Every structure is written in structure tokens, then in C-alpha cells.
Amino acid sequence: MLRILMKKLVRILLAMGIAAGLVIAGSAPAAAAVHKKPVAAKKSIAKHSLRKKVVKRPVKQRVAGLRRLPREVADDGTGPLESIKSSSVAVIDQNTGEVLYEKNAAAVVPIASITKLMTAMVALDVQPPLEEVLTIAADDVDTMKGTRSRLVVGTQLSRAEMLRLALMSSENRAAAALSRHYPGGRPAFVAAMNAKAKMLGLTETRFSDPTGLTPENVSSARDLAKLVNAAHEYPLIREFSTAEEYQVAVRGRQQAFHNTNALVRNDGWNIGLSKTGYISEAGKCLVMQAWLANKPTIIVLLDSWGKLTRIGDAQRIKRWVESLASNATMIKGG
């Protein structure tokens, strides 16, 4: 009897254990679902947060009849002489002094780096040793306009090289260095510039610095024609101002400098002297002595409104002068 009771008790206990196991097993997934960390979800969020949000930009609609203009409008020099863009112009027969063409030639305006022609004359007038080595100093750095230069402070070049770069590439620091190494320094140099202008009869010309960065350097197209004529008497100014390029060593590395007037590289031109200039107050400027129709001619172009139009104006003048000469020859021949 006792044995039968023990067997029943074992069966009851086993049944209770199985039931309990089923309850625990059934509740485990639920508990796991509650306590399980959303790893996959976090990974997805983290990955998404590193991805840049791409915003689709609206497509710009092209307006019919309109097109984007280039930054600089090309000027091939076509058109009549009346289409000249420069504000002040003088074209002079260098042999006779005859005025071939003028436009606002008496207007007194800033002349920018055309100044450097006077700088070169004054620097050469004292007959300094051209092989003497000059050093670019902090005093030669432009603090007026903030223009840049590859001639870093400490650069050493001969006086002749400084003169060449000032005329050919319009290097402001080279011009400043020339004036600083003048007897009496820069103040004496500027005084000599104004004395030279007076001696040449340039009544509408004033200089305040040797670079042309200041708008206080002013002249007229008529006066500048006289200045070009005087500068043309200096062989070095003729040579340096018309050189296409030149290399100098700056900090031990060769640097190539180029002429700022593209026409010196044009086989259609025979240029004996050249100088460009630009500051915002003066606009684009260009002066030249060139042979047109087999005659030496002085061209002065001041305050041209575009980067390329001073070249276009020069081409218009050249074609006009050559056309006049051709017509005169036909009349004489007829």
C-alpha cells in the first residue's frame, strides 16, 4: 500500500515539474523580447547619421533669348575708329609731331604704371652701376593696393634686372627698389620725377610715387605722348619694355616673367617701346611707339573699360593709319 502511494506522489511531482517548465519556457521569449537590446536598430541609426543629407537643388530654367556672357568680351579690333573704347587717346606722327587722332587728349587722369617710364628715365639719368645688386625690402611692398609680387622680401637682383622687370612685367617692388636705392632715397627720386616732367614740358603731369599705384600720379594723353617720345631715346628702355619674357632666380628657383603687352608677341606689330598700366581709378592703359605704315607712331590709350579693349583699340588705330597711308598712295599714284 505504501509503495502504491509513493508511486502516485512521484507522478504528481513529475507532472507539476513539467507544468512549471512549460510556463517558464513560454514566458522566456517574452522576457527576452523585453530585455533584448535593439542592436540592429542602433546600427541602422548610427549609419544613417554619418550619411550626408542630399538636398536636390531645383533645376534652373533657361530663359529664352538669354545666354551667359563671358567674363571678358573679346575685342578683335574690328569696327571704325569711332568705336574706340579708351576714354583718352592720342596718336602722333613721331617724326613730324603731327596729331593724327585725338580723343579727350587734354583730360588729366590717373596713369597707373605708365608712371614706370618716368621711373626708368630718372633711375638711368644718374648713370648708376647697372650690375649693382639691389635687395627687395619691406619698404618696397605695396601697402596701398595690396598687390602681390613674386619678388619676395630679400630677393636680390641687379639694378638692370630690376629695371627690366619694372618695364616688361610692371613689377611694382622692382620699381620701388629702384627709387629707394636712388641718391637721397625715395623722396629725392619722386622730386626728380617731377623735375624731369617740368623739363620735358609736361604741364599736366604730376607724380607722387614711382610705381603708379596711387591715383595721384596723373597726366594727359598729350603729355604722355611727349613722355613716350622722351623715353624712346633710352636704348635700355626700348629693349626692356619690348622684351617678351625674362627669367630670374628667386630664392634659388628660376622664375619666368612675361611682358604685360600681348602685342609684343604679335608678328604683325613692330613695337619700339611699350608700357601698360592698370589701377581701378585709371582703368586699362597702354602707350607704345610702333611703326605704322612705315612711320614711327606714338599711341596713347587711357582708361579703356575692358581688359581686352585697349588691344582692340590699338588694332583699330593701326588699321586706320595704314588705310590712310594706302589711300594717300593711291591718290598720288592716280
Protein backbone atom coordinates (compact mmCIF):
# COMPACT_ATOMS: atom_id res chain seq x y z
CA MET A 1 0.00 0.00 0.00
CA LEU A 2 2.80 2.34 0.90
CA ARG A 3 4.52 1.53 -2.36
CA ILE A 4 1.43 2.48 -4.32
CA LEU A 5 1.17 5.84 -2.53
CA MET A 6 4.85 6.63 -3.24
CA LYS A 7 4.38 5.98 -6.97
CA LYS A 8 1.37 8.31 -7.08
CA LEU A 9 3.34 11.04 -5.28
CA VAL A 10 6.25 10.75 -7.77
CA ARG A 11 3.83 11.01 -10.70
CA ILE A 12 2.22 14.14 -9.17
CA LEU A 13 5.60 15.80 -8.59
CA LEU A 14 6.73 14.99 -12.14
CA ALA A 15 3.53 16.43 -13.53
CA MET A 16 3.99 19.61 -11.50
CA GLY A 17 7.65 19.96 -12.67
CA ILE A 18 6.71 19.56 -16.32
CA ALA A 19 3.93 22.13 -15.97
CA ALA A 20 6.32 24.58 -14.33
CA GLY A 21 8.88 24.01 -17.09
CA LEU A 22 6.28 24.74 -19.71
CA VAL A 23 5.35 28.01 -18.00
CA ILE A 24 8.98 29.11 -17.76
CA ALA A 25 9.68 28.14 -21.36
CA GLY A 26 6.62 30.02 -22.55
CA SER A 27 7.49 33.17 -20.64
CA ALA A 28 11.22 33.23 -21.67
CA PRO A 29 10.70 34.62 -25.20
CA ALA A 30 8.54 37.40 -23.83
CA ALA A 31 11.18 38.28 -21.25
CA ALA A 32 13.87 38.13 -23.88
CA ALA A 33 11.82 40.43 -26.07
CA VAL A 34 11.55 42.92 -23.24
CA HIS A 35 15.23 42.93 -22.25
CA LYS A 36 16.85 42.33 -25.63
CA LYS A 37 18.83 45.41 -26.85
CA PRO A 38 17.81 46.79 -30.24
CA VAL A 39 21.31 46.36 -31.68
CA ALA A 40 20.23 46.25 -35.29
CA ALA A 41 18.16 49.38 -34.91
CA LYS A 42 21.05 51.29 -33.34
CA LYS A 43 23.42 50.25 -36.04
CA SER A 44 20.99 51.47 -38.66
CA ILE A 45 20.58 54.86 -36.94
CA ALA A 46 24.32 55.30 -36.49
CA LYS A 47 24.98 54.51 -40.11
CA HIS A 48 22.30 56.92 -41.25
CA SER A 49 23.64 59.74 -39.07
CA LEU A 50 27.02 59.61 -40.84
CA ARG A 51 25.43 59.91 -44.26
CA LYS A 52 25.15 63.48 -45.56
CA LYS A 53 21.72 64.61 -46.33
CA VAL A 54 21.41 65.16 -50.05
CA VAL A 55 19.18 68.03 -50.96
CA LYS A 56 18.02 68.06 -54.52
CA ARG A 57 18.51 71.51 -55.95
CA PRO A 58 15.83 72.95 -58.16
CA VAL A 59 16.73 72.90 -61.82
CA LYS A 60 17.25 76.41 -63.19
CA GLN A 61 15.11 77.10 -66.18
CA ARG A 62 16.88 78.76 -69.11
CA VAL A 63 15.13 81.90 -70.18
CA ALA A 64 14.62 82.02 -73.91
CA GLY A 65 16.78 84.61 -75.64
CA LEU A 66 19.31 84.91 -72.80
CA ARG A 67 22.77 83.37 -72.56
CA ARG A 68 25.65 83.61 -70.13
CA LEU A 69 28.23 86.21 -71.18
CA PRO A 70 31.96 85.57 -70.85
CA ARG A 71 33.85 87.47 -68.18
CA GLU A 72 35.82 89.38 -70.77
CA VAL A 73 34.26 90.27 -74.10
CA ALA A 74 36.75 89.59 -76.88
CA ASP A 75 37.77 92.61 -78.96
CA ASP A 76 39.42 91.74 -82.27
CA GLY A 77 39.92 95.36 -83.25
CA THR A 78 37.20 95.44 -85.86
CA GLY A 79 34.93 98.41 -86.37
CA PRO A 80 35.54 102.05 -87.27
CA LEU A 81 37.86 104.39 -85.39
CA GLU A 82 34.81 105.95 -83.73
CA SER A 83 34.25 102.69 -81.84
CA ILE A 84 37.41 103.16 -79.77
CA LYS A 85 36.67 102.23 -76.16
CA SER A 86 39.50 104.13 -74.44
CA SER A 87 38.40 107.38 -72.78
CA SER A 88 41.51 109.40 -73.69
CA VAL A 89 43.52 108.83 -76.87
CA ALA A 90 46.43 110.44 -78.72
CA VAL A 91 48.01 109.20 -81.93
CA ILE A 92 51.05 111.19 -83.05
CA ASP A 93 53.42 111.01 -86.01
CA GLN A 94 56.73 110.79 -84.15
CA ASN A 95 58.76 112.26 -87.00
CA THR A 96 56.70 115.40 -87.55
CA GLY A 97 54.75 115.73 -84.29
CA GLU A 98 51.54 115.86 -86.31
CA VAL A 99 48.42 114.84 -84.42
CA LEU A 100 46.81 112.00 -86.36
CA TYR A 101 43.94 111.41 -83.94
CA GLU A 102 42.82 112.67 -80.55
CA LYS A 103 40.02 111.92 -78.14
CA ASN A 104 39.81 113.80 -74.82
CA ALA A 105 43.57 114.20 -75.11
CA ALA A 106 43.71 117.12 -72.67
CA ALA A 107 41.86 115.34 -69.84
CA VAL A 108 44.06 114.96 -66.75
CA VAL A 109 43.58 111.42 -65.40
CA PRO A 110 45.42 108.80 -63.31
CA ILE A 111 48.02 106.95 -65.37
CA ALA A 112 48.81 103.89 -63.22
CA SER A 113 52.00 102.03 -64.26
CA ILE A 114 52.65 104.24 -67.28
CA THR A 115 54.47 106.04 -64.45
CA LYS A 116 57.28 103.49 -64.71
CA LEU A 117 58.55 105.07 -67.94
CA MET A 118 59.44 108.16 -65.91
CA THR A 119 60.79 105.92 -63.14
CA ALA A 120 63.14 104.28 -65.63
CA MET A 121 64.38 107.58 -67.05
CA VAL A 122 65.08 109.08 -63.63
CA ALA A 123 66.83 105.89 -62.48
CA LEU A 124 69.07 105.92 -65.56
CA ASP A 125 69.78 109.66 -65.60
CA VAL A 126 72.21 109.42 -62.65
CA GLN A 127 74.13 106.72 -64.57
CA PRO A 128 74.20 104.20 -61.72
CA PRO A 129 76.14 100.90 -61.94
CA LEU A 130 73.66 98.55 -63.63
CA GLU A 131 75.40 95.46 -62.25
CA GLU A 132 74.98 96.59 -58.62
CA VAL A 133 72.86 94.14 -56.64
CA LEU A 134 69.70 95.60 -55.09
CA THR A 135 67.60 93.88 -52.43
CA ILE A 136 63.81 93.90 -52.15
CA ALA A 137 62.94 95.24 -48.69
CA ALA A 138 59.76 95.51 -46.65
CA ASP A 139 59.58 99.18 -47.67
CA ASP A 140 59.08 98.05 -51.27
CA VAL A 141 55.93 96.04 -50.51
CA ASP A 142 52.67 97.60 -51.71
CA THR A 143 50.54 98.58 -48.72
CA MET A 144 48.32 100.86 -50.79
CA LYS A 145 46.57 98.39 -53.11
CA GLY A 146 47.79 95.13 -51.66
CA THR A 147 49.16 93.90 -54.98
CA ARG A 148 51.14 90.67 -54.97
CA SER A 149 54.62 90.01 -56.29
CA ARG A 150 56.87 87.02 -56.80
CA LEU A 151 59.78 89.21 -55.75
CA VAL A 152 59.62 88.30 -52.09
CA VAL A 153 61.34 90.40 -49.45
CA GLY A 154 65.03 89.52 -49.53
CA THR A 155 65.17 88.89 -53.29
CA GLN A 156 68.44 90.15 -54.75
CA LEU A 157 68.73 91.21 -58.38
CA SER A 158 70.97 93.54 -60.30
CA ARG A 159 69.78 97.07 -60.98
CA ALA A 160 69.45 96.17 -64.66
CA GLU A 161 67.20 93.20 -63.81
CA MET A 162 65.04 95.36 -61.54
CA LEU A 163 64.70 97.89 -64.35
CA ARG A 164 63.80 95.16 -66.86
CA LEU A 165 61.08 93.65 -64.64
CA ALA A 166 59.64 97.07 -63.82
CA LEU A 167 59.26 97.90 -67.51
CA MET A 168 58.47 94.49 -69.02
CA SER A 169 56.31 92.92 -66.29
CA SER A 170 55.35 96.12 -64.45
CA GLU A 171 56.82 94.76 -61.20
CA ASN A 172 55.92 97.28 -58.51
CA ARG A 173 58.51 96.07 -56.00
CA ALA A 174 61.26 96.38 -58.59
CA ALA A 175 60.25 99.98 -59.31
CA ALA A 176 60.07 100.73 -55.59
CA ALA A 177 63.52 99.24 -55.03
CA LEU A 178 64.99 101.38 -57.82
CA SER A 179 63.63 104.52 -56.17
CA ARG A 180 64.84 103.50 -52.71
CA HIS A 181 68.40 102.97 -53.98
CA TYR A 182 68.46 106.42 -55.60
CA PRO A 183 70.79 109.07 -54.10
CA GLY A 184 68.73 110.70 -51.36
CA GLY A 185 66.21 107.85 -51.28
CA ARG A 186 62.63 107.73 -52.47
CA PRO A 187 61.65 111.35 -51.61
CA ALA A 188 64.54 112.62 -53.75
CA PHE A 189 63.55 110.21 -56.50
CA VAL A 190 59.93 111.45 -56.66
CA ALA A 191 61.18 115.04 -56.65
CA ALA A 192 63.43 114.17 -59.60
CA MET A 193 60.45 112.65 -61.43
CA ASN A 194 58.50 115.91 -61.17
CA ALA A 195 61.58 117.95 -62.12
CA LYS A 196 62.02 115.77 -65.22
CA ALA A 197 58.35 116.23 -66.13
CA LYS A 198 58.76 120.01 -65.93
CA MET A 199 61.92 119.88 -68.03
CA LEU A 200 60.06 117.90 -70.73
CA GLY A 201 57.23 120.43 -70.78
CA LEU A 202 54.67 118.05 -69.25
CA THR A 203 52.48 120.75 -67.77
CA GLU A 204 49.61 118.42 -66.88
CA THR A 205 51.70 115.70 -65.23
CA ARG A 206 52.30 115.08 -61.51
CA PHE A 207 53.96 112.19 -59.67
CA SER A 208 53.63 111.09 -56.05
CA ASP A 209 55.26 107.66 -56.20
CA PRO A 210 57.48 105.59 -58.56
CA THR A 211 55.07 102.68 -59.16
CA GLY A 212 51.81 104.28 -60.28
CA LEU A 213 49.76 102.53 -57.61
CA THR A 214 48.48 105.87 -56.37
CA PRO A 215 45.80 107.73 -58.37
CA GLU A 216 47.72 110.90 -57.51
CA ASN A 217 50.05 110.16 -60.43
CA VAL A 218 48.22 112.00 -63.22
CA SER A 219 48.79 113.17 -66.76
CA SER A 220 47.02 113.69 -70.07
CA ALA A 221 47.24 111.76 -73.33
CA ARG A 222 49.03 114.74 -74.92
CA ASP A 223 51.63 114.87 -72.16
CA LEU A 224 52.15 111.11 -72.27
CA ALA A 225 52.87 111.28 -76.00
CA LYS A 226 55.76 113.59 -75.11
CA LEU A 227 56.81 111.25 -72.30
CA VAL A 228 56.88 108.27 -74.67
CA ASN A 229 58.91 110.26 -77.18
CA ALA A 230 61.46 111.14 -74.47
CA ALA A 231 61.64 107.59 -73.08
CA HIS A 232 62.23 106.23 -76.58
CA GLU A 233 65.60 107.99 -76.56
CA TYR A 234 66.87 105.50 -73.94
CA PRO A 235 68.13 102.26 -75.55
CA LEU A 236 67.60 100.20 -72.38
CA ILE A 237 64.00 101.37 -72.05
CA ARG A 238 63.34 100.37 -75.65
CA GLU A 239 64.95 96.97 -75.11
CA PHE A 240 63.47 96.12 -71.72
CA SER A 241 59.94 97.38 -72.38
CA THR A 242 59.55 95.29 -75.53
CA ALA A 243 61.19 92.05 -74.33
CA GLU A 244 58.76 89.13 -74.47
CA GLU A 245 59.99 87.35 -71.34
CA TYR A 246 62.87 87.06 -68.92
CA GLN A 247 63.94 84.61 -66.23
CA VAL A 248 65.49 85.46 -62.88
CA ALA A 249 66.36 83.39 -59.83
CA VAL A 250 64.11 83.99 -56.83
CA ARG A 251 65.03 82.02 -53.70
CA GLY A 252 67.19 79.76 -55.78
CA ARG A 253 64.48 78.91 -58.31
CA GLN A 254 64.18 80.24 -61.85
CA GLN A 255 61.04 82.33 -62.35
CA ALA A 256 59.77 83.34 -65.79
CA PHE A 257 58.35 86.85 -66.16
CA HIS A 258 56.39 87.94 -69.24
CA ASN A 259 55.55 91.21 -70.97
CA THR A 260 52.20 92.64 -69.94
CA ASN A 261 51.54 93.81 -73.51
CA ALA A 262 50.50 90.87 -75.70
CA LEU A 263 51.19 92.86 -78.86
CA VAL A 264 54.97 92.50 -78.43
CA ARG A 265 54.43 88.81 -79.30
CA ASN A 266 52.37 89.68 -82.38
CA ASP A 267 54.32 89.39 -85.63
CA GLY A 268 52.02 91.98 -87.21
CA TRP A 269 53.45 94.69 -84.97
CA ASN A 270 56.85 96.39 -84.94
CA ILE A 271 56.97 97.95 -81.47
CA GLY A 272 59.86 100.12 -80.32
CA LEU A 273 58.57 100.94 -76.82
CA SER A 274 55.69 99.64 -74.72
CA LYS A 275 54.13 100.13 -71.31
CA THR A 276 50.84 99.02 -69.84
CA GLY A 277 49.10 100.20 -66.69
CA TYR A 278 46.12 99.48 -64.50
CA ILE A 279 44.55 100.56 -61.25
CA SER A 280 40.81 100.83 -60.73
CA GLU A 281 40.94 104.65 -60.83
CA ALA A 282 42.86 104.68 -64.14
CA GLY A 283 41.30 101.78 -66.00
CA LYS A 284 43.33 99.81 -68.54
CA CYS A 285 46.09 101.92 -70.11
CA LEU A 286 48.60 101.34 -72.90
CA VAL A 287 51.27 103.50 -74.52
CA MET A 288 53.51 102.47 -77.41
CA GLN A 289 55.92 103.65 -80.01
CA ALA A 290 55.31 101.50 -83.06
CA TRP A 291 55.88 101.57 -86.79
CA LEU A 292 52.61 102.03 -88.66
CA ALA A 293 52.61 102.35 -92.44
CA ASN A 294 56.42 102.55 -92.30
CA LYS A 295 56.32 105.56 -89.98
CA PRO A 296 57.20 105.79 -86.27
CA THR A 297 53.95 106.49 -84.44
CA ILE A 298 53.15 107.16 -80.80
CA ILE A 299 49.92 105.69 -79.44
CA VAL A 300 48.43 106.62 -76.05
CA LEU A 301 45.32 104.82 -74.78
CA LEU A 302 43.98 105.69 -71.32
CA ASP A 303 41.07 104.39 -69.27
CA SER A 304 39.92 101.57 -71.52
CA TRP A 305 36.87 99.93 -69.96
CA GLY A 306 37.76 96.28 -70.62
CA LYS A 307 40.77 94.04 -70.25
CA LEU A 308 40.98 93.37 -73.99
CA THR A 309 39.68 96.60 -75.46
CA ARG A 310 42.97 98.53 -75.24
CA ILE A 311 44.46 95.88 -77.54
CA GLY A 312 41.41 96.15 -79.80
CA ASP A 313 41.76 99.95 -79.85
CA ALA A 314 45.42 99.65 -80.84
CA GLN A 315 44.44 97.30 -83.67
CA ARG A 316 41.76 99.76 -84.88
CA ILE A 317 44.28 102.61 -84.88
CA LYS A 318 46.85 100.53 -86.74
CA ARG A 319 44.37 99.55 -89.44
CA TRP A 320 43.13 103.16 -89.75
CA VAL A 321 46.63 104.64 -90.10
CA GLU A 322 47.60 102.03 -92.67
CA SER A 323 44.37 102.67 -94.56
CA LEU A 324 45.11 106.42 -94.65
CA ALA A 325 48.59 105.75 -96.00
CA SER A 326 47.23 103.36 -98.61
CA ASN A 327 44.62 105.88 -99.79
CA ALA A 328 47.23 108.64 -99.95
CA THR A 329 49.47 106.44 -102.06
CA MET A 330 46.59 105.68 -104.42
CA ILE A 331 45.78 109.38 -104.81
CA LYS A 332 49.40 110.23 -105.55
CA GLY A 333 49.68 107.35 -107.97
CA GLY A 334 46.48 108.37 -109.73
